[in-house]
Amino acid sequence: MSNINNDINSQTTSTWRMLLDETIFTNRKFYIQVAAICAAVIIFVALCSIPNMLAFAKMYFTHKYNFTYVDNMSGVFGFIAVTYFATCSAFIVSNIQDKRSRIAEFVIPASKLEKFVVRYIHLVVFIPLAALVGIAVGDVLQIILGLVITGDCQSFIVTMFRNFGFTSYSPTDTFLLVALFVFFHTLLLVLGTIIRRRAWIKSNIIVWFSLFVLTMAGLCIAYLVLNAIYGNVNYAITTLTDRDVLDVFLSIIIIAVSVFNYRLSFRIYSRMQIVTNRWHNL
């Protein structure tokens, strides 16, 4: 019995390794392109902070090396990174948009769970790692160029991590923000699994439009309810004195819904057929 279990575990491990190796091999050129683009962007942006290197960038220059400009651009890079991690899940089935790609995906000798997880790893681990390598290479090169040309330098990576953080928030507020981030990520994961074409664009439109409508509806309902109760009497809205308890409670609920979203997206993926509806994968 133990031999059978060992054989099953060994086969499962080899399947995971096979899928990961195939993903890396198939997308190796894409990873290289991502790294090269990130490195080129870092170097180009760094050159814009060095006087007289680019004529159109002279408006930024007051010193030999414009550290404020680097700080601002590091914030932009951080925002792009957060946006990618929040929305990349919408690309979960972008690799199987047509009949031929679906057949190629379904005939791979692995379970649908393994394929789903490896695809997810490709989006949230492999692509960011390729980008990080490119940013690191570009950062080292721009530091060398800055030292050679101006004698000054500043690391984009160090600046980005120094400026990015939740130091102004309490631990419970940080937990709530992370929970909301994960919920948004998993919500786009579900929509990305359902929507067949241009899932990233359509998913973001649906989410942000729904958020706007719900927010406006909530404000209107609150206004009507308060007016019905208090009329024209002056009133004040008070919150719970112990916000930490509320934050933790909301975070637990949001995380639970996010776990459900993961399960729902895989359930939709596992039921996908070779031939599906023109607009959705249900």
Protein backbone atom coordinates (compact mmCIF):
# COMPACT_ATOMS: atom_id res chain seq x y z
CA MET A 1 0.00 0.00 0.00
CA SER A 2 2.82 2.38 0.87
CA ASN A 3 4.50 1.61 -2.45
CA ILE A 4 1.33 2.56 -4.30
CA ASN A 5 1.09 5.84 -2.38
CA ASN A 6 4.74 6.58 -3.10
CA ASP A 7 4.18 5.93 -6.80
CA ILE A 8 1.17 8.25 -6.84
CA ASN A 9 3.08 11.00 -5.04
CA SER A 10 6.03 10.59 -7.39
CA GLN A 11 3.75 10.77 -10.43
CA THR A 12 2.02 13.87 -9.07
CA THR A 13 5.35 15.57 -8.44
CA SER A 14 6.59 14.75 -11.93
CA THR A 15 3.36 16.12 -13.41
CA TRP A 16 3.78 19.42 -11.58
CA ARG A 17 7.40 19.62 -12.71
CA MET A 18 6.42 18.81 -16.28
CA LEU A 19 3.77 21.55 -16.36
CA LEU A 20 6.07 24.14 -14.81
CA ASP A 21 8.93 23.26 -17.17
CA GLU A 22 6.59 23.41 -20.17
CA THR A 23 5.24 26.79 -19.07
CA ILE A 24 8.72 28.23 -18.69
CA PHE A 25 9.91 26.76 -22.00
CA THR A 26 6.84 27.89 -23.94
CA ASN A 27 6.93 31.43 -22.56
CA ARG A 28 10.71 31.88 -22.36
CA LYS A 29 10.78 34.47 -25.17
CA PHE A 30 7.93 36.38 -23.54
CA TYR A 31 9.77 36.42 -20.19
CA ILE A 32 12.90 37.74 -21.91
CA GLN A 33 10.86 40.44 -23.65
CA VAL A 34 9.26 41.49 -20.35
CA ALA A 35 12.68 41.70 -18.68
CA ALA A 36 14.19 43.64 -21.60
CA ILE A 37 11.31 46.14 -21.71
CA CYS A 38 11.50 46.73 -17.94
CA ALA A 39 15.27 47.25 -18.10
CA ALA A 40 14.94 49.64 -21.04
CA VAL A 41 12.22 51.66 -19.28
CA ILE A 42 14.30 51.98 -16.10
CA ILE A 43 17.36 53.16 -18.05
CA PHE A 44 15.32 55.60 -20.15
CA VAL A 45 13.59 57.09 -17.11
CA ALA A 46 16.93 57.37 -15.29
CA LEU A 47 18.48 59.20 -18.23
CA CYS A 48 15.65 61.72 -18.03
CA SER A 49 16.95 62.70 -14.57
CA ILE A 50 20.44 63.45 -15.86
CA PRO A 51 20.79 67.01 -17.25
CA ASN A 52 21.42 67.58 -20.93
CA MET A 53 20.90 63.90 -21.81
CA LEU A 54 17.42 64.48 -23.24
CA ALA A 55 16.44 67.95 -24.38
CA PHE A 56 12.71 67.54 -23.68
CA ALA A 57 13.44 66.54 -20.08
CA LYS A 58 15.32 69.71 -19.12
CA MET A 59 12.24 71.04 -17.34
CA TYR A 60 12.93 68.58 -14.53
CA PHE A 61 16.53 69.52 -13.91
CA THR A 62 17.64 71.80 -11.11
CA HIS A 63 20.61 69.75 -9.85
CA LYS A 64 23.08 67.28 -11.23
CA TYR A 65 20.75 64.40 -10.45
CA ASN A 66 17.05 65.02 -9.87
CA PHE A 67 16.21 62.87 -6.87
CA THR A 68 12.65 64.18 -6.61
CA TYR A 69 12.01 63.02 -10.15
CA VAL A 70 13.34 59.56 -9.28
CA ASP A 71 11.11 59.45 -6.18
CA ASN A 72 8.06 60.34 -8.25
CA MET A 73 8.82 57.80 -10.96
CA SER A 74 9.44 55.10 -8.34
CA GLY A 75 5.94 55.82 -7.06
CA VAL A 76 4.61 55.40 -10.59
CA PHE A 77 6.39 52.05 -10.93
CA GLY A 78 4.97 50.93 -7.59
CA PHE A 79 1.47 51.88 -8.71
CA ILE A 80 1.92 49.91 -11.95
CA ALA A 81 3.12 46.87 -9.99
CA VAL A 82 0.13 47.00 -7.61
CA THR A 83 -2.25 47.42 -10.55
CA TYR A 84 -0.76 44.42 -12.31
CA PHE A 85 -1.03 42.14 -9.29
CA ALA A 86 -4.60 43.28 -8.70
CA THR A 87 -5.78 42.72 -12.28
CA CYS A 88 -3.51 40.05 -13.81
CA SER A 89 -5.92 37.31 -12.72
CA ALA A 90 -8.29 38.39 -15.50
CA PHE A 91 -5.83 36.79 -17.97
CA ILE A 92 -6.32 33.33 -16.44
CA VAL A 93 -7.79 31.76 -19.62
CA SER A 94 -6.43 34.18 -22.21
CA ASN A 95 -4.19 31.38 -23.52
CA ILE A 96 -7.14 29.21 -24.59
CA GLN A 97 -9.30 31.61 -26.55
CA ASP A 98 -9.87 29.45 -29.64
CA LYS A 99 -10.74 25.83 -30.35
CA ARG A 100 -7.19 24.77 -31.30
CA SER A 101 -5.61 26.16 -28.12
CA ARG A 102 -8.30 24.52 -25.99
CA ILE A 103 -7.67 21.14 -27.56
CA ALA A 104 -3.93 21.54 -26.96
CA GLU A 105 -4.63 22.48 -23.34
CA PHE A 106 -7.08 19.69 -22.61
CA VAL A 107 -4.94 16.88 -24.04
CA ILE A 108 -2.04 17.64 -21.67
CA PRO A 109 -1.75 14.63 -19.32
CA ALA A 110 -2.48 16.49 -16.10
CA SER A 111 -5.49 17.26 -13.98
CA LYS A 112 -7.43 20.48 -14.53
CA LEU A 113 -6.46 21.65 -11.06
CA GLU A 114 -2.77 21.31 -11.89
CA LYS A 115 -3.23 23.20 -15.18
CA PHE A 116 -5.22 25.93 -13.47
CA VAL A 117 -2.68 26.42 -10.68
CA VAL A 118 0.31 26.44 -13.04
CA ARG A 119 -1.40 29.01 -15.26
CA TYR A 120 -2.05 31.12 -12.16
CA ILE A 121 1.61 30.77 -11.11
CA HIS A 122 2.62 31.94 -14.58
CA LEU A 123 0.63 35.15 -14.06
CA VAL A 124 1.44 35.99 -10.44
CA VAL A 125 4.98 34.56 -10.08
CA PHE A 126 6.83 33.97 -13.35
CA ILE A 127 5.92 37.21 -15.15
CA PRO A 128 6.62 39.41 -12.09
CA LEU A 129 9.94 37.58 -11.58
CA ALA A 130 10.92 38.31 -15.19
CA ALA A 131 9.97 41.95 -14.69
CA LEU A 132 11.91 42.10 -11.42
CA VAL A 133 15.04 40.71 -13.10
CA GLY A 134 14.73 43.32 -15.85
CA ILE A 135 14.20 46.12 -13.33
CA ALA A 136 17.21 44.97 -11.30
CA VAL A 137 19.45 44.86 -14.38
CA GLY A 138 18.21 48.25 -15.56
CA ASP A 139 18.64 49.70 -12.08
CA VAL A 140 22.26 48.54 -11.85
CA LEU A 141 23.02 49.95 -15.32
CA GLN A 142 21.40 53.32 -14.57
CA ILE A 143 23.35 53.55 -11.28
CA ILE A 144 26.58 52.99 -13.19
CA LEU A 145 25.59 55.57 -15.83
CA GLY A 146 24.63 58.09 -13.14
CA LEU A 147 27.95 57.67 -11.34
CA VAL A 148 29.95 57.95 -14.56
CA ILE A 149 28.08 60.95 -15.99
CA THR A 150 27.14 63.02 -12.92
CA GLY A 151 28.82 61.42 -9.92
CA ASP A 152 25.41 60.94 -8.28
CA CYS A 153 22.95 58.05 -8.34
CA GLN A 154 19.81 56.69 -6.76
CA SER A 155 18.36 53.21 -6.90
CA PHE A 156 14.82 52.93 -8.24
CA ILE A 157 14.25 49.63 -6.45
CA VAL A 158 15.41 50.91 -3.07
CA THR A 159 13.37 54.09 -3.49
CA MET A 160 10.27 52.17 -4.54
CA PHE A 161 10.37 49.83 -1.55
CA ARG A 162 11.21 52.70 0.79
CA ASN A 163 8.24 54.77 -0.38
CA PHE A 164 5.83 51.84 -0.60
CA GLY A 165 4.36 50.59 2.63
CA PHE A 166 1.60 50.79 5.18
CA THR A 167 3.54 52.64 7.85
CA SER A 168 0.74 55.20 8.24
CA TYR A 169 -1.88 52.49 8.87
CA SER A 170 -2.59 50.39 11.93
CA PRO A 171 -2.09 46.60 11.67
CA THR A 172 -5.84 46.00 11.45
CA ASP A 173 -6.27 48.67 8.76
CA THR A 174 -3.40 47.07 6.82
CA PHE A 175 -5.05 43.66 7.15
CA LEU A 176 -8.31 45.11 5.83
CA LEU A 177 -6.57 46.76 2.87
CA VAL A 178 -4.80 43.52 1.98
CA ALA A 179 -8.10 41.63 2.27
CA LEU A 180 -9.79 44.12 -0.07
CA PHE A 181 -6.89 43.81 -2.51
CA VAL A 182 -7.17 40.00 -2.52
CA PHE A 183 -10.95 40.22 -2.96
CA PHE A 184 -10.57 42.53 -5.98
CA HIS A 185 -7.95 40.15 -7.41
CA THR A 186 -10.16 37.08 -7.00
CA LEU A 187 -13.22 38.91 -8.34
CA LEU A 188 -11.34 39.61 -11.56
CA LEU A 189 -10.21 35.98 -11.52
CA VAL A 190 -13.85 34.83 -11.60
CA LEU A 191 -14.79 37.32 -14.31
CA GLY A 192 -11.68 36.44 -16.30
CA THR A 193 -12.71 32.79 -16.21
CA ILE A 194 -16.25 33.57 -17.33
CA ILE A 195 -15.61 36.14 -20.06
CA ARG A 196 -14.20 34.64 -23.22
CA ARG A 197 -12.61 37.53 -25.12
CA ARG A 198 -10.96 40.75 -23.91
CA ALA A 199 -11.57 39.59 -20.36
CA TRP A 200 -9.21 42.12 -18.75
CA ILE A 201 -10.94 45.15 -20.26
CA LYS A 202 -14.47 43.85 -19.76
CA SER A 203 -13.80 42.65 -16.21
CA ASN A 204 -12.40 46.00 -15.11
CA ILE A 205 -15.28 47.88 -16.71
CA ILE A 206 -17.81 45.63 -14.96
CA VAL A 207 -16.10 45.87 -11.57
CA TRP A 208 -15.56 49.63 -11.55
CA PHE A 209 -18.99 50.41 -12.98
CA SER A 210 -20.62 48.12 -10.41
CA LEU A 211 -18.56 49.72 -7.63
CA PHE A 212 -19.67 53.18 -8.75
CA VAL A 213 -23.34 52.18 -8.96
CA LEU A 214 -23.29 50.44 -5.57
CA THR A 215 -21.52 53.38 -3.93
CA MET A 216 -24.00 55.90 -5.30
CA ALA A 217 -26.94 53.66 -4.40
CA GLY A 218 -25.59 53.21 -0.87
CA LEU A 219 -25.16 56.96 -0.40
CA CYS A 220 -28.66 57.64 -1.72
CA ILE A 221 -30.22 55.00 0.54
CA ALA A 222 -28.32 56.30 3.56
CA TYR A 223 -29.46 59.85 2.78
CA LEU A 224 -33.11 58.80 2.41
CA VAL A 225 -33.07 56.68 5.56
CA LEU A 226 -31.45 59.39 7.68
CA ASN A 227 -33.86 62.01 6.38
CA ALA A 228 -36.82 59.73 7.06
CA ILE A 229 -35.65 59.16 10.63
CA TYR A 230 -34.34 62.57 11.59
CA GLY A 231 -35.98 64.89 9.08
CA ASN A 232 -34.44 68.34 9.15
CA VAL A 233 -33.00 67.87 12.62
CA ASN A 234 -29.25 68.22 12.86
CA TYR A 235 -27.62 64.89 13.50
CA ALA A 236 -24.17 63.39 13.65
CA ILE A 237 -23.01 59.97 12.52
CA THR A 238 -20.77 58.19 14.97
CA THR A 239 -18.65 55.10 14.38
CA LEU A 240 -17.70 52.23 16.60
CA THR A 241 -15.17 53.21 19.21
CA ASP A 242 -13.23 50.00 18.68
CA ARG A 243 -12.50 50.08 14.96
CA ASP A 244 -9.99 47.26 15.23
CA VAL A 245 -12.73 44.75 15.97
CA LEU A 246 -14.75 45.95 12.98
CA ASP A 247 -11.69 45.84 10.69
CA VAL A 248 -10.83 42.28 11.71
CA PHE A 249 -14.45 41.15 11.34
CA LEU A 250 -14.75 42.68 7.86
CA SER A 251 -11.35 41.28 6.84
CA ILE A 252 -12.35 37.74 7.82
CA ILE A 253 -15.58 38.00 5.81
CA ILE A 254 -13.76 39.41 2.78
CA ILE A 255 -11.07 36.70 2.92
CA ALA A 256 -13.77 34.02 3.16
CA VAL A 257 -15.49 35.44 0.06
CA SER A 258 -12.11 35.56 -1.72
CA VAL A 259 -11.53 31.86 -0.98
CA PHE A 260 -14.99 31.17 -2.41
CA ASN A 261 -14.02 33.16 -5.54
CA TYR A 262 -10.95 30.96 -6.03
CA ARG A 263 -13.09 27.86 -5.78
CA LEU A 264 -15.74 29.29 -8.10
CA SER A 265 -13.23 30.29 -10.76
CA PHE A 266 -11.67 26.82 -10.75
CA ARG A 267 -15.12 25.23 -10.92
CA ILE A 268 -15.92 27.29 -14.02
CA TYR A 269 -12.53 26.44 -15.53
CA SER A 270 -12.95 22.72 -14.84
CA ARG A 271 -16.28 22.69 -16.71
CA MET A 272 -15.05 24.50 -19.79
CA GLN A 273 -15.59 22.70 -23.08
CA ILE A 274 -13.72 22.80 -26.36
CA VAL A 275 -16.64 24.58 -28.01
CA THR A 276 -18.25 27.29 -25.86
CA ASN A 277 -20.48 30.29 -26.17
CA ARG A 278 -19.21 33.18 -28.26
CA TRP A 279 -19.28 35.58 -25.30
CA HIS A 280 -18.67 33.50 -22.18
CA ASN A 281 -17.24 30.17 -20.98
CA LEU A 282 -20.22 28.99 -18.97
